[in-house]
C-alpha atoms as a PDB file:
ATOM      1  CA  MET A   1      15.356  -8.198 -79.175  1.00  0.00           C
ATOM      2  CA  THR A   2      14.028  -5.558 -81.665  1.00  0.00           C
ATOM      3  CA  LYS A   3      13.897  -8.060 -84.516  1.00  0.00           C
ATOM      4  CA  TYR A   4      11.326  -9.840 -82.535  1.00  0.00           C
ATOM      5  CA  LEU A   5       8.995  -7.084 -81.915  1.00  0.00           C
ATOM      6  CA  PRO A   6       6.840  -7.333 -84.937  1.00  0.00           C
ATOM      7  CA  ALA A   7       6.128 -11.093 -84.142  1.00  0.00           C
ATOM      8  CA  LEU A   8       5.507 -10.200 -80.668  1.00  0.00           C
ATOM      9  CA  ALA A   9       3.084  -7.816 -81.804  1.00  0.00           C
ATOM     10  CA  VAL A  10       0.931  -9.965 -83.805  1.00  0.00           C
ATOM     11  CA  ILE A  11       1.001 -12.714 -81.033  1.00  0.00           C
ATOM     12  CA  SER A  12      -0.067 -10.018 -78.651  1.00  0.00           C
ATOM     13  CA  ALA A  13      -2.960  -9.103 -80.966  1.00  0.00           C
ATOM     14  CA  ALA A  14      -3.850 -12.794 -81.161  1.00  0.00           C
ATOM     15  CA  ILE A  15      -3.950 -13.206 -77.489  1.00  0.00           C
ATOM     16  CA  LEU A  16      -6.226 -10.128 -77.158  1.00  0.00           C
ATOM     17  CA  TRP A  17      -8.502 -11.555 -79.848  1.00  0.00           C
ATOM     18  CA  SER A  18      -8.637 -14.851 -77.842  1.00  0.00           C
ATOM     19  CA  LEU A  19     -10.582 -12.639 -75.034  1.00  0.00           C
ATOM     20  CA  ASP A  20     -12.825 -11.143 -77.676  1.00  0.00           C
ATOM     21  CA  GLY A  21     -15.648 -13.897 -77.451  1.00  0.00           C
ATOM     22  CA  TYR A  22     -15.608 -13.786 -73.641  1.00  0.00           C
ATOM     23  CA  ILE A  23     -16.287 -10.002 -73.589  1.00  0.00           C
ATOM     24  CA  ARG A  24     -18.855 -10.220 -76.441  1.00  0.00           C
ATOM     25  CA  GLN A  25     -20.919 -12.625 -74.580  1.00  0.00           C
ATOM     26  CA  ASN A  26     -21.968  -9.951 -72.269  1.00  0.00           C
ATOM     27  CA  LEU A  27     -23.612  -8.140 -75.296  1.00  0.00           C
ATOM     28  CA  SER A  28     -25.589 -11.164 -76.421  1.00  0.00           C
ATOM     29  CA  THR A  29     -28.930  -9.235 -76.261  1.00  0.00           C
ATOM     30  CA  LEU A  30     -27.806  -6.548 -79.082  1.00  0.00           C
ATOM     31  CA  PRO A  31     -27.600  -7.195 -82.557  1.00  0.00           C
ATOM     32  CA  SER A  32     -24.341  -8.174 -84.151  1.00  0.00           C
ATOM     33  CA  PHE A  33     -23.941  -5.543 -86.616  1.00  0.00           C
ATOM     34  CA  PHE A  34     -24.916  -2.989 -84.158  1.00  0.00           C
ATOM     35  CA  ILE A  35     -21.947  -3.917 -81.850  1.00  0.00           C
ATOM     36  CA  ILE A  36     -19.557  -3.970 -84.885  1.00  0.00           C
ATOM     37  CA  SER A  37     -20.772  -0.331 -85.718  1.00  0.00           C
ATOM     38  CA  LEU A  38     -20.417   0.970 -82.270  1.00  0.00           C
ATOM     39  CA  GLU A  39     -16.963  -0.289 -81.639  1.00  0.00           C
ATOM     40  CA  HIS A  40     -15.711   0.921 -85.090  1.00  0.00           C
ATOM     41  CA  ILE A  41     -17.368   4.329 -84.958  1.00  0.00           C
ATOM     42  CA  ILE A  42     -15.837   4.737 -81.385  1.00  0.00           C
ATOM     43  CA  GLY A  43     -12.318   3.504 -82.595  1.00  0.00           C
ATOM     44  CA  ALA A  44     -12.621   6.042 -85.532  1.00  0.00           C
ATOM     45  CA  ILE A  45     -13.255   8.943 -83.058  1.00  0.00           C
ATOM     46  CA  ILE A  46     -10.235   7.946 -81.105  1.00  0.00           C
ATOM     47  CA  PHE A  47      -8.035   7.566 -83.943  1.00  0.00           C
ATOM     48  CA  LEU A  48      -9.121  10.776 -85.686  1.00  0.00           C
ATOM     49  CA  PRO A  49      -5.860  12.784 -84.698  1.00  0.00           C
ATOM     50  CA  ILE A  50      -3.767  10.103 -86.380  1.00  0.00           C
ATOM     51  CA  LEU A  51      -5.760  10.114 -89.443  1.00  0.00           C
ATOM     52  CA  ILE A  52      -5.397  14.016 -89.749  1.00  0.00           C
ATOM     53  CA  LYS A  53      -1.657  13.579 -89.050  1.00  0.00           C
ATOM     54  CA  GLY A  54      -1.397  11.054 -91.835  1.00  0.00           C
ATOM     55  CA  TRP A  55      -3.696  12.972 -94.389  1.00  0.00           C
ATOM     56  CA  ASN A  56      -0.416  13.552 -96.606  1.00  0.00           C
ATOM     57  CA  GLU A  57       0.071   9.752 -97.032  1.00  0.00           C
ATOM     58  CA  ILE A  58      -3.516   9.086 -97.734  1.00  0.00           C
ATOM     59  CA  VAL A  59      -3.879  11.685-100.711  1.00  0.00           C
ATOM     60  CA  LYS A  60      -0.863   9.827-102.109  1.00  0.00           C
ATOM     61  CA  ILE A  61      -2.495   6.362-102.012  1.00  0.00           C
ATOM     62  CA  GLN A  62      -2.689   5.012-105.679  1.00  0.00           C
ATOM     63  CA  GLN A  63      -5.606   3.122-107.054  1.00  0.00           C
ATOM     64  CA  ARG A  64      -4.558  -0.389-106.055  1.00  0.00           C
ATOM     65  CA  GLY A  65      -3.836   0.778-102.692  1.00  0.00           C
ATOM     66  CA  TRP A  66      -7.383   2.206-102.220  1.00  0.00           C
ATOM     67  CA  ILE A  67      -8.756  -1.230-103.393  1.00  0.00           C
ATOM     68  CA  SER A  68      -6.849  -2.838-100.658  1.00  0.00           C
ATOM     69  CA  VAL A  69      -7.929  -0.322 -97.992  1.00  0.00           C
ATOM     70  CA  LEU A  70     -11.455  -0.642 -99.202  1.00  0.00           C
ATOM     71  CA  TRP A  71     -11.233  -4.463 -99.125  1.00  0.00           C
ATOM     72  CA  ILE A  72      -9.854  -4.761 -95.471  1.00  0.00           C
ATOM     73  CA  SER A  73     -12.368  -2.103 -94.275  1.00  0.00           C
ATOM     74  CA  ILE A  74     -15.275  -4.132 -95.631  1.00  0.00           C
ATOM     75  CA  CYS A  75     -14.257  -7.691 -95.328  1.00  0.00           C
ATOM     76  CA  GLY A  76     -11.922  -7.423 -92.486  1.00  0.00           C
ATOM     77  CA  GLY A  77     -13.729  -4.696 -90.528  1.00  0.00           C
ATOM     78  CA  ILE A  78     -17.331  -5.541 -91.309  1.00  0.00           C
ATOM     79  CA  LEU A  79     -17.874  -8.958 -92.887  1.00  0.00           C
ATOM     80  CA  GLY A  80     -15.337 -10.986 -90.927  1.00  0.00           C
ATOM     81  CA  THR A  81     -16.252  -9.472 -87.546  1.00  0.00           C
ATOM     82  CA  PHE A  82     -19.882  -9.975 -88.264  1.00  0.00           C
ATOM     83  CA  PHE A  83     -19.566 -13.691 -89.297  1.00  0.00           C
ATOM     84  CA  TYR A  84     -17.413 -14.172 -86.188  1.00  0.00           C
ATOM     85  CA  THR A  85     -19.872 -12.551 -83.955  1.00  0.00           C
ATOM     86  CA  LYS A  86     -22.704 -14.702 -85.502  1.00  0.00           C
ATOM     87  CA  ALA A  87     -20.863 -17.844 -85.057  1.00  0.00           C
ATOM     88  CA  LEU A  88     -20.336 -17.000 -81.411  1.00  0.00           C
ATOM     89  CA  SER A  89     -24.213 -16.788 -81.129  1.00  0.00           C
ATOM     90  CA  TYR A  90     -24.887 -20.088 -82.429  1.00  0.00           C
ATOM     91  CA  VAL A  91     -22.413 -21.761 -79.942  1.00  0.00           C
ATOM     92  CA  GLY A  92     -24.013 -19.740 -77.119  1.00  0.00           C
ATOM     93  CA  TYR A  93     -20.705 -17.989 -76.139  1.00  0.00           C
ATOM     94  CA  ILE A  94     -19.767 -21.086 -73.954  1.00  0.00           C
ATOM     95  CA  ASN A  95     -17.574 -23.448 -76.027  1.00  0.00           C
ATOM     96  CA  LEU A  96     -15.308 -21.439 -78.487  1.00  0.00           C
ATOM     97  CA  SER A  97     -13.868 -24.609 -80.124  1.00  0.00           C
ATOM     98  CA  VAL A  98     -15.933 -24.358 -83.299  1.00  0.00           C
ATOM     99  CA  VAL A  99     -15.525 -20.600 -83.715  1.00  0.00           C
ATOM    100  CA  VAL A 100     -11.647 -20.999 -83.239  1.00  0.00           C
ATOM    101  CA  LEU A 101     -11.811 -23.219 -86.244  1.00  0.00           C
ATOM    102  CA  LEU A 102     -11.486 -19.962 -88.462  1.00  0.00           C
ATOM    103  CA  GLN A 103      -7.874 -19.844 -87.085  1.00  0.00           C
ATOM    104  CA  LYS A 104      -7.179 -23.232 -88.618  1.00  0.00           C
ATOM    105  CA  PHE A 105      -8.243 -22.384 -92.060  1.00  0.00           C
ATOM    106  CA  GLN A 106      -7.263 -18.583 -92.416  1.00  0.00           C
ATOM    107  CA  PRO A 107      -3.620 -19.277 -92.779  1.00  0.00           C
ATOM    108  CA  ILE A 108      -4.626 -21.438 -95.933  1.00  0.00           C
ATOM    109  CA  PHE A 109      -6.561 -18.677 -97.672  1.00  0.00           C
ATOM    110  CA  ALA A 110      -3.732 -16.006 -96.465  1.00  0.00           C
ATOM    111  CA  ILE A 111      -0.813 -17.960 -97.638  1.00  0.00           C
ATOM    112  CA  ALA A 112      -2.307 -18.858-100.940  1.00  0.00           C
ATOM    113  CA  LEU A 113      -3.292 -15.169-101.610  1.00  0.00           C
ATOM    114  CA  ALA A 114       0.088 -13.950-100.533  1.00  0.00           C
ATOM    115  CA  SER A 115       1.816 -16.142-103.047  1.00  0.00           C
ATOM    116  CA  ILE A 116      -0.625 -15.043-105.970  1.00  0.00           C
ATOM    117  CA  ILE A 117      -0.994 -11.321-104.945  1.00  0.00           C
ATOM    118  CA  LEU A 118       2.088 -10.423-103.169  1.00  0.00           C
ATOM    119  CA  LYS A 119       4.423 -12.863-104.922  1.00  0.00           C
ATOM    120  CA  GLU A 120       6.014 -13.967-101.647  1.00  0.00           C
ATOM    121  CA  HIS A 121       8.226 -16.983-102.188  1.00  0.00           C
ATOM    122  CA  ILE A 122       7.068 -20.120-100.066  1.00  0.00           C
ATOM    123  CA  THR A 123       9.694 -22.796 -99.450  1.00  0.00           C
ATOM    124  CA  LYS A 124       9.106 -26.367 -98.743  1.00  0.00           C
ATOM    125  CA  ARG A 125      10.264 -26.086 -95.250  1.00  0.00           C
ATOM    126  CA  PHE A 126       7.855 -23.092 -94.802  1.00  0.00           C
ATOM    127  CA  LEU A 127       5.088 -25.389 -96.053  1.00  0.00           C
ATOM    128  CA  ILE A 128       5.912 -28.127 -93.743  1.00  0.00           C
ATOM    129  CA  LEU A 129       5.936 -25.761 -90.723  1.00  0.00           C
ATOM    130  CA  ALA A 130       2.768 -24.158 -91.716  1.00  0.00           C
ATOM    131  CA  LEU A 131       0.959 -27.432 -92.058  1.00  0.00           C
ATOM    132  CA  SER A 132       2.263 -28.712 -88.846  1.00  0.00           C
ATOM    133  CA  ALA A 133       0.981 -25.315 -87.165  1.00  0.00           C
ATOM    134  CA  ILE A 134      -2.334 -25.824 -88.826  1.00  0.00           C
ATOM    135  CA  VAL A 135      -2.453 -29.491 -87.603  1.00  0.00           C
ATOM    136  CA  GLY A 136      -1.401 -28.380 -83.912  1.00  0.00           C
ATOM    137  CA  GLY A 137      -4.239 -25.691 -84.015  1.00  0.00           C
ATOM    138  CA  TYR A 138      -6.754 -28.352 -85.146  1.00  0.00           C
ATOM    139  CA  LEU A 139      -5.787 -30.570 -82.326  1.00  0.00           C
ATOM    140  CA  ILE A 140      -6.076 -27.870 -79.849  1.00  0.00           C
ATOM    141  CA  THR A 141      -9.500 -27.073 -80.999  1.00  0.00           C
ATOM    142  CA  PHE A 142     -10.954 -30.420 -81.560  1.00  0.00           C
ATOM    143  CA  GLY A 143      -8.609 -33.113 -79.795  1.00  0.00           C
ATOM    144  CA  ASN A 144      -9.696 -36.521 -81.018  1.00  0.00           C
ATOM    145  CA  ASN A 145     -13.305 -35.670 -81.573  1.00  0.00           C
ATOM    146  CA  SER A 146     -14.725 -36.135 -85.126  1.00  0.00           C
ATOM    147  CA  MET A 147     -16.683 -33.419 -87.041  1.00  0.00           C
ATOM    148  CA  ALA A 148     -19.271 -36.117 -87.670  1.00  0.00           C
ATOM    149  CA  ASP A 149     -20.398 -35.560 -84.183  1.00  0.00           C
ATOM    150  CA  TRP A 150     -21.424 -32.026 -84.985  1.00  0.00           C
ATOM    151  CA  ASP A 151     -25.158 -30.792 -84.862  1.00  0.00           C
ATOM    152  CA  ASP A 152     -26.783 -28.379 -86.971  1.00  0.00           C
ATOM    153  CA  LYS A 153     -25.933 -25.465 -85.013  1.00  0.00           C
ATOM    154  CA  THR A 154     -22.445 -26.400 -85.024  1.00  0.00           C
ATOM    155  CA  ILE A 155     -22.260 -26.781 -88.904  1.00  0.00           C
ATOM    156  CA  ILE A 156     -23.759 -23.353 -89.201  1.00  0.00           C
ATOM    157  CA  ALA A 157     -21.157 -21.862 -86.755  1.00  0.00           C
ATOM    158  CA  ALA A 158     -18.429 -23.833 -88.657  1.00  0.00           C
ATOM    159  CA  LEU A 159     -19.609 -22.367 -92.080  1.00  0.00           C
ATOM    160  CA  LEU A 160     -19.728 -18.767 -90.636  1.00  0.00           C
ATOM    161  CA  ALA A 161     -16.221 -19.304 -89.145  1.00  0.00           C
ATOM    162  CA  LEU A 162     -15.011 -20.286 -92.562  1.00  0.00           C
ATOM    163  CA  LEU A 163     -16.482 -17.202 -93.987  1.00  0.00           C
ATOM    164  CA  ALA A 164     -14.809 -15.263 -91.198  1.00  0.00           C
ATOM    165  CA  ALA A 165     -11.575 -17.053 -92.035  1.00  0.00           C
ATOM    166  CA  PHE A 166     -11.755 -16.015 -95.665  1.00  0.00           C
ATOM    167  CA  SER A 167     -12.462 -12.399 -94.748  1.00  0.00           C
ATOM    168  CA  TRP A 168      -9.803 -12.079 -92.375  1.00  0.00           C
ATOM    169  CA  GLY A 169      -7.120 -14.228 -94.282  1.00  0.00           C
ATOM    170  CA  SER A 170      -7.734 -12.002 -97.340  1.00  0.00           C
ATOM    171  CA  SER A 171      -7.601  -8.768 -95.253  1.00  0.00           C
ATOM    172  CA  THR A 172      -4.065  -9.957 -94.064  1.00  0.00           C
ATOM    173  CA  VAL A 173      -2.739 -10.126 -97.525  1.00  0.00           C
ATOM    174  CA  LEU A 174      -4.414  -6.872 -98.795  1.00  0.00           C
ATOM    175  CA  GLY A 175      -3.421  -5.128 -95.676  1.00  0.00           C
ATOM    176  CA  LYS A 176       0.246  -6.097 -96.322  1.00  0.00           C
ATOM    177  CA  HIS A 177      -0.337  -4.721 -99.909  1.00  0.00           C
ATOM    178  CA  ALA A 178      -1.756  -1.389 -98.524  1.00  0.00           C
ATOM    179  CA  LEU A 179       1.188  -1.207 -95.926  1.00  0.00           C
ATOM    180  CA  LYS A 180       3.489  -0.743 -98.981  1.00  0.00           C
ATOM    181  CA  GLN A 181       2.073   2.724 -99.479  1.00  0.00           C
ATOM    182  CA  ILE A 182       1.144   4.082 -96.008  1.00  0.00           C
ATOM    183  CA  SER A 183       2.235   3.687 -92.441  1.00  0.00           C
ATOM    184  CA  PHE A 184       0.697   1.223 -90.135  1.00  0.00           C
ATOM    185  CA  MET A 185      -0.740   4.164 -87.925  1.00  0.00           C
ATOM    186  CA  THR A 186      -2.233   5.688 -90.888  1.00  0.00           C
ATOM    187  CA  LEU A 187      -3.678   2.427 -92.284  1.00  0.00           C
ATOM    188  CA  THR A 188      -5.255   1.665 -88.754  1.00  0.00           C
ATOM    189  CA  SER A 189      -7.042   5.071 -88.493  1.00  0.00           C
ATOM    190  CA  LEU A 190      -7.939   4.832 -92.238  1.00  0.00           C
ATOM    191  CA  ARG A 191      -9.463   1.437 -91.832  1.00  0.00           C
ATOM    192  CA  LEU A 192     -11.503   2.422 -88.766  1.00  0.00           C
ATOM    193  CA  SER A 193     -12.904   5.551 -90.311  1.00  0.00           C
ATOM    194  CA  ILE A 194     -13.982   3.707 -93.489  1.00  0.00           C
ATOM    195  CA  THR A 195     -15.520   1.105 -91.597  1.00  0.00           C
ATOM    196  CA  GLY A 196     -17.161   3.342 -88.986  1.00  0.00           C
ATOM    197  CA  ALA A 197     -18.475   5.637 -91.911  1.00  0.00           C
ATOM    198  CA  ILE A 198     -20.114   2.617 -93.620  1.00  0.00           C
ATOM    199  CA  THR A 199     -21.730   1.144 -90.542  1.00  0.00           C
ATOM    200  CA  LEU A 200     -22.998   4.462 -89.297  1.00  0.00           C
ATOM    201  CA  PHE A 201     -24.626   4.915 -92.698  1.00  0.00           C
ATOM    202  CA  VAL A 202     -26.188   1.290 -92.391  1.00  0.00           C
ATOM    203  CA  ILE A 203     -27.585   1.863 -88.829  1.00  0.00           C
ATOM    204  CA  ILE A 204     -29.014   5.245 -89.818  1.00  0.00           C
ATOM    205  CA  SER A 205     -30.600   3.991 -92.816  1.00  0.00           C
ATOM    206  CA  THR A 206     -32.064   0.820 -91.321  1.00  0.00           C
ATOM    207  CA  GLY A 207     -33.139   2.610 -88.079  1.00  0.00           C
ATOM    208  CA  GLN A 208     -30.823   0.692 -85.801  1.00  0.00           C
ATOM    209  CA  TYR A 209     -29.612   3.790 -84.182  1.00  0.00           C
ATOM    210  CA  GLU A 210     -32.945   3.789 -82.299  1.00  0.00           C
ATOM    211  CA  LEU A 211     -31.378   1.002 -80.049  1.00  0.00           C
ATOM    212  CA  ILE A 212     -28.618   3.536 -78.670  1.00  0.00           C
ATOM    213  CA  PRO A 213     -30.908   4.746 -75.760  1.00  0.00           C
ATOM    214  CA  GLU A 214     -31.563   1.024 -74.935  1.00  0.00           C
ATOM    215  CA  VAL A 215     -27.968   0.095 -74.494  1.00  0.00           C
ATOM    216  CA  SER A 216     -27.306  -0.274 -70.907  1.00  0.00           C
ATOM    217  CA  ALA A 217     -24.213   1.540 -68.843  1.00  0.00           C
ATOM    218  CA  ASN A 218     -22.774  -2.032 -68.422  1.00  0.00           C
ATOM    219  CA  GLU A 219     -22.970  -2.751 -72.069  1.00  0.00           C
ATOM    220  CA  TRP A 220     -21.504   0.625 -73.005  1.00  0.00           C
ATOM    221  CA  GLY A 221     -18.621  -0.514 -70.572  1.00  0.00           C
ATOM    222  CA  TYR A 222     -18.175  -3.722 -72.516  1.00  0.00           C
ATOM    223  CA  ILE A 223     -18.243  -2.018 -75.851  1.00  0.00           C
ATOM    224  CA  LEU A 224     -15.557   0.552 -74.723  1.00  0.00           C
ATOM    225  CA  LEU A 225     -13.495  -2.323 -73.373  1.00  0.00           C
ATOM    226  CA  ILE A 226     -13.637  -4.003 -76.902  1.00  0.00           C
ATOM    227  CA  VAL A 227     -12.415  -0.810 -78.377  1.00  0.00           C
ATOM    228  CA  ILE A 228      -9.584  -0.276 -76.120  1.00  0.00           C
ATOM    229  CA  SER A 229      -8.372  -3.967 -75.886  1.00  0.00           C
ATOM    230  CA  THR A 230      -9.583  -6.584 -78.601  1.00  0.00           C
ATOM    231  CA  GLY A 231     -10.685  -3.852 -81.330  1.00  0.00           C
ATOM    232  CA  SER A 232      -8.766  -0.919 -82.072  1.00  0.00           C
ATOM    233  CA  LEU A 233      -5.681  -1.378 -79.941  1.00  0.00           C
ATOM    234  CA  ALA A 234      -5.302  -5.006 -81.117  1.00  0.00           C
ATOM    235  CA  LEU A 235      -5.658  -3.735 -84.729  1.00  0.00           C
ATOM    236  CA  PHE A 236      -3.181  -1.066 -84.238  1.00  0.00           C
ATOM    237  CA  ILE A 237      -0.224  -3.367 -82.951  1.00  0.00           C
ATOM    238  CA  TYR A 238      -1.335  -6.242 -85.452  1.00  0.00           C
ATOM    239  CA  TYR A 239      -0.732  -3.662 -88.466  1.00  0.00           C
ATOM    240  CA  TYR A 240       2.698  -2.874 -86.664  1.00  0.00           C
ATOM    241  CA  GLY A 241       3.650  -6.493 -87.027  1.00  0.00           C
ATOM    242  CA  LEU A 242       2.209  -6.822 -90.560  1.00  0.00           C
ATOM    243  CA  LYS A 243       4.166  -3.885 -91.600  1.00  0.00           C
ATOM    244  CA  HIS A 244       7.443  -5.726 -90.923  1.00  0.00           C
ATOM    245  CA  LEU A 245       6.612  -9.263 -91.506  1.00  0.00           C
ATOM    246  CA  PRO A 246       5.529 -11.363 -94.611  1.00  0.00           C
ATOM    247  CA  ALA A 247       1.745 -12.065 -94.572  1.00  0.00           C
ATOM    248  CA  THR A 248       2.630 -15.801 -94.766  1.00  0.00           C
ATOM    249  CA  HIS A 249       4.251 -15.448 -91.344  1.00  0.00           C
ATOM    250  CA  VAL A 250       1.663 -13.095 -89.873  1.00  0.00           C
ATOM    251  CA  THR A 251      -1.307 -15.476 -90.372  1.00  0.00           C
ATOM    252  CA  LEU A 252       0.556 -18.363 -88.675  1.00  0.00           C
ATOM    253  CA  TYR A 253       1.374 -16.237 -85.474  1.00  0.00           C
ATOM    254  CA  GLU A 254      -2.331 -15.638 -85.352  1.00  0.00           C
ATOM    255  CA  LEU A 255      -2.554 -19.332 -84.454  1.00  0.00           C
ATOM    256  CA  PHE A 256      -1.642 -18.204 -80.906  1.00  0.00           C
ATOM    257  CA  TRP A 257      -5.302 -17.395 -80.577  1.00  0.00           C
ATOM    258  CA  PRO A 258      -6.411 -21.099 -80.091  1.00  0.00           C
ATOM    259  CA  LEU A 259      -3.689 -21.639 -77.620  1.00  0.00           C
ATOM    260  CA  SER A 260      -4.542 -18.620 -75.511  1.00  0.00           C
ATOM    261  CA  ALA A 261      -8.404 -19.292 -75.989  1.00  0.00           C
ATOM    262  CA  PHE A 262      -8.041 -22.573 -74.236  1.00  0.00           C
ATOM    263  CA  ALA A 263      -5.712 -21.005 -71.504  1.00  0.00           C
ATOM    264  CA  ILE A 264      -8.468 -18.654 -70.723  1.00  0.00           C
ATOM    265  CA  ASP A 265     -11.050 -21.386 -70.986  1.00  0.00           C
ATOM    266  CA  TRP A 266      -8.895 -23.209 -68.198  1.00  0.00           C
ATOM    267  CA  ILE A 267      -8.699 -20.158 -65.902  1.00  0.00           C
ATOM    268  CA  PHE A 268     -12.458 -18.981 -66.166  1.00  0.00           C
ATOM    269  CA  HIS A 269     -14.282 -22.245 -66.696  1.00  0.00           C
ATOM    270  CA  GLY A 270     -11.831 -24.803 -65.275  1.00  0.00           C
ATOM    271  CA  TYR A 271     -11.458 -26.459 -68.631  1.00  0.00           C
ATOM    272  CA  ILE A 272      -8.272 -28.793 -68.807  1.00  0.00           C
ATOM    273  CA  MET A 273      -6.731 -29.806 -72.217  1.00  0.00           C
ATOM    274  CA  THR A 274      -6.882 -33.283 -73.297  1.00  0.00           C
ATOM    275  CA  PHE A 275      -3.759 -35.366 -74.239  1.00  0.00           C
ATOM    276  CA  TYR A 276      -4.527 -34.621 -77.860  1.00  0.00           C
ATOM    277  CA  GLN A 277      -4.857 -30.866 -77.074  1.00  0.00           C
ATOM    278  CA  PHE A 278      -1.801 -30.658 -75.333  1.00  0.00           C
ATOM    279  CA  GLY A 279       0.200 -32.347 -78.000  1.00  0.00           C
ATOM    280  CA  GLY A 280      -1.354 -29.917 -80.542  1.00  0.00           C
ATOM    281  CA  ALA A 281      -0.146 -27.004 -78.331  1.00  0.00           C
ATOM    282  CA  ILE A 282       3.378 -28.486 -78.570  1.00  0.00           C
ATOM    283  CA  ILE A 283       3.206 -28.858 -82.220  1.00  0.00           C
ATOM    284  CA  LEU A 284       1.775 -25.313 -82.536  1.00  0.00           C
ATOM    285  CA  LEU A 285       4.391 -23.609 -80.563  1.00  0.00           C
ATOM    286  CA  GLY A 286       7.276 -25.585 -81.907  1.00  0.00           C
ATOM    287  CA  SER A 287       6.202 -24.677 -85.497  1.00  0.00           C
ATOM    288  CA  ILE A 288       6.005 -21.148 -84.723  1.00  0.00           C
ATOM    289  CA  VAL A 289       9.359 -20.971 -82.897  1.00  0.00           C
ATOM    290  CA  LEU A 290      10.822 -22.716 -86.006  1.00  0.00           C
ATOM    291  CA  LEU A 291       8.789 -20.371 -88.183  1.00  0.00           C
ATOM    292  CA  SER A 292      10.329 -17.437 -86.563  1.00  0.00           C
ATOM    293  CA  ASN A 293      13.897 -18.385 -87.853  1.00  0.00           C
ATOM    294  CA  GLU A 294      12.575 -19.232 -91.424  1.00  0.00           C
ATOM    295  CA  LYS A 295      13.789 -16.740 -93.920  1.00  0.00           C
ATOM    296  CA  ILE A 296      11.111 -16.316 -96.765  1.00  0.00           C
ATOM    297  CA  VAL A 297      11.587 -13.766 -99.400  1.00  0.00           C
ATOM    298  CA  ASP A 298       8.872 -11.122 -99.694  1.00  0.00           C
ATOM    299  CA  ASN A 299       9.592  -9.767-102.987  1.00  0.00           C
ATOM    300  CA  ASN A 300       7.412  -6.569-102.441  1.00  0.00           C
ATOM    301  CA  LEU A 301       9.805  -5.713 -99.401  1.00  0.00           C
ATOM    302  CA  LYS A 302      13.065  -5.604-101.504  1.00  0.00           C
END
C-alpha cells in the first residue's frame, strides 16, 4: 500500500484543486492578485516553523536549485494562479469546462520539459497512455462540442488557461528538480515564503493593501479555507508525491482534476455527464490505472 501513497497524494491534491474554483467564486469582488497575495502570505506564516527547521537544507541549495525554486515560486505560485483566477472570472465561475482545458495541455508541457531538463526516459507505451489520458480529459471537458462554438470570452479564458497550463506544467518539472536538493516539506515552506514575500511587496507598492479593511469576515473565511485546503495543504501533499514520482507521471495523475470537477458539478449543480464525457472518464481512469504500473526510468533518481 505504501508504494501507492505518492500517487494517492497527487490525486488527492488534484481533487482538492477541483474544489478551488467553487471556493473562489465567493471572492469575485476582490482583485485576483490581491487574493493570491493573501493566501500565500497566510500560508507562509503557517509554514514558517517548517522553514526554520529546514534552514540547514536551504543554505546548501546550489545555483540551479535556486533557479528552480524561484521559477516555481513566481510561475507556479503567482503567474499560474493569476491566469487561472482570471480565466475563472471570464466564465463567470459557473461553467469550469474551459478553465479545465489547462489540465489537458499541462501534461504536454510537463512531459516535454521533463524529457529535456530531467532526462526522464519516455517509452512508447507511456506516450500512448499519456495521449489516451489527455484525450479522455478532453472528452470530459468538452464532450462532443466543437471549439468553433466558443465566443470571445471563452477564447480569452482558454488562452489564460493555456498560460496557466505552461506555468504549472513547467513548475512541476522545476519542482522535481528542486526536490533533488531539499525535502518536500522545506520546498513547500520555501515556495510559500518567496511567493508571499514577492506578492506582499507588490500589494504594498501598488497600494492594494488598502483593500484589507474592506475584506468582509465571510471573505476572510473563504481565503482561510483556500489556504488550508486547495492552497497550502494541497501543495504540501502534492510535493510529497512529486518527491517520489517522475514528473511525467505526476502531471498525468493531476488529470483527476477534470473528473472530480465534473463530479462536484453534478453534486452542486445537478450537472450530468453526457455519453462522450462518461466515455472520456473511463478512458482517463483506465489510462491512469495502467500508468501506475508503467515503469519509467527517471535518470535523476538513480
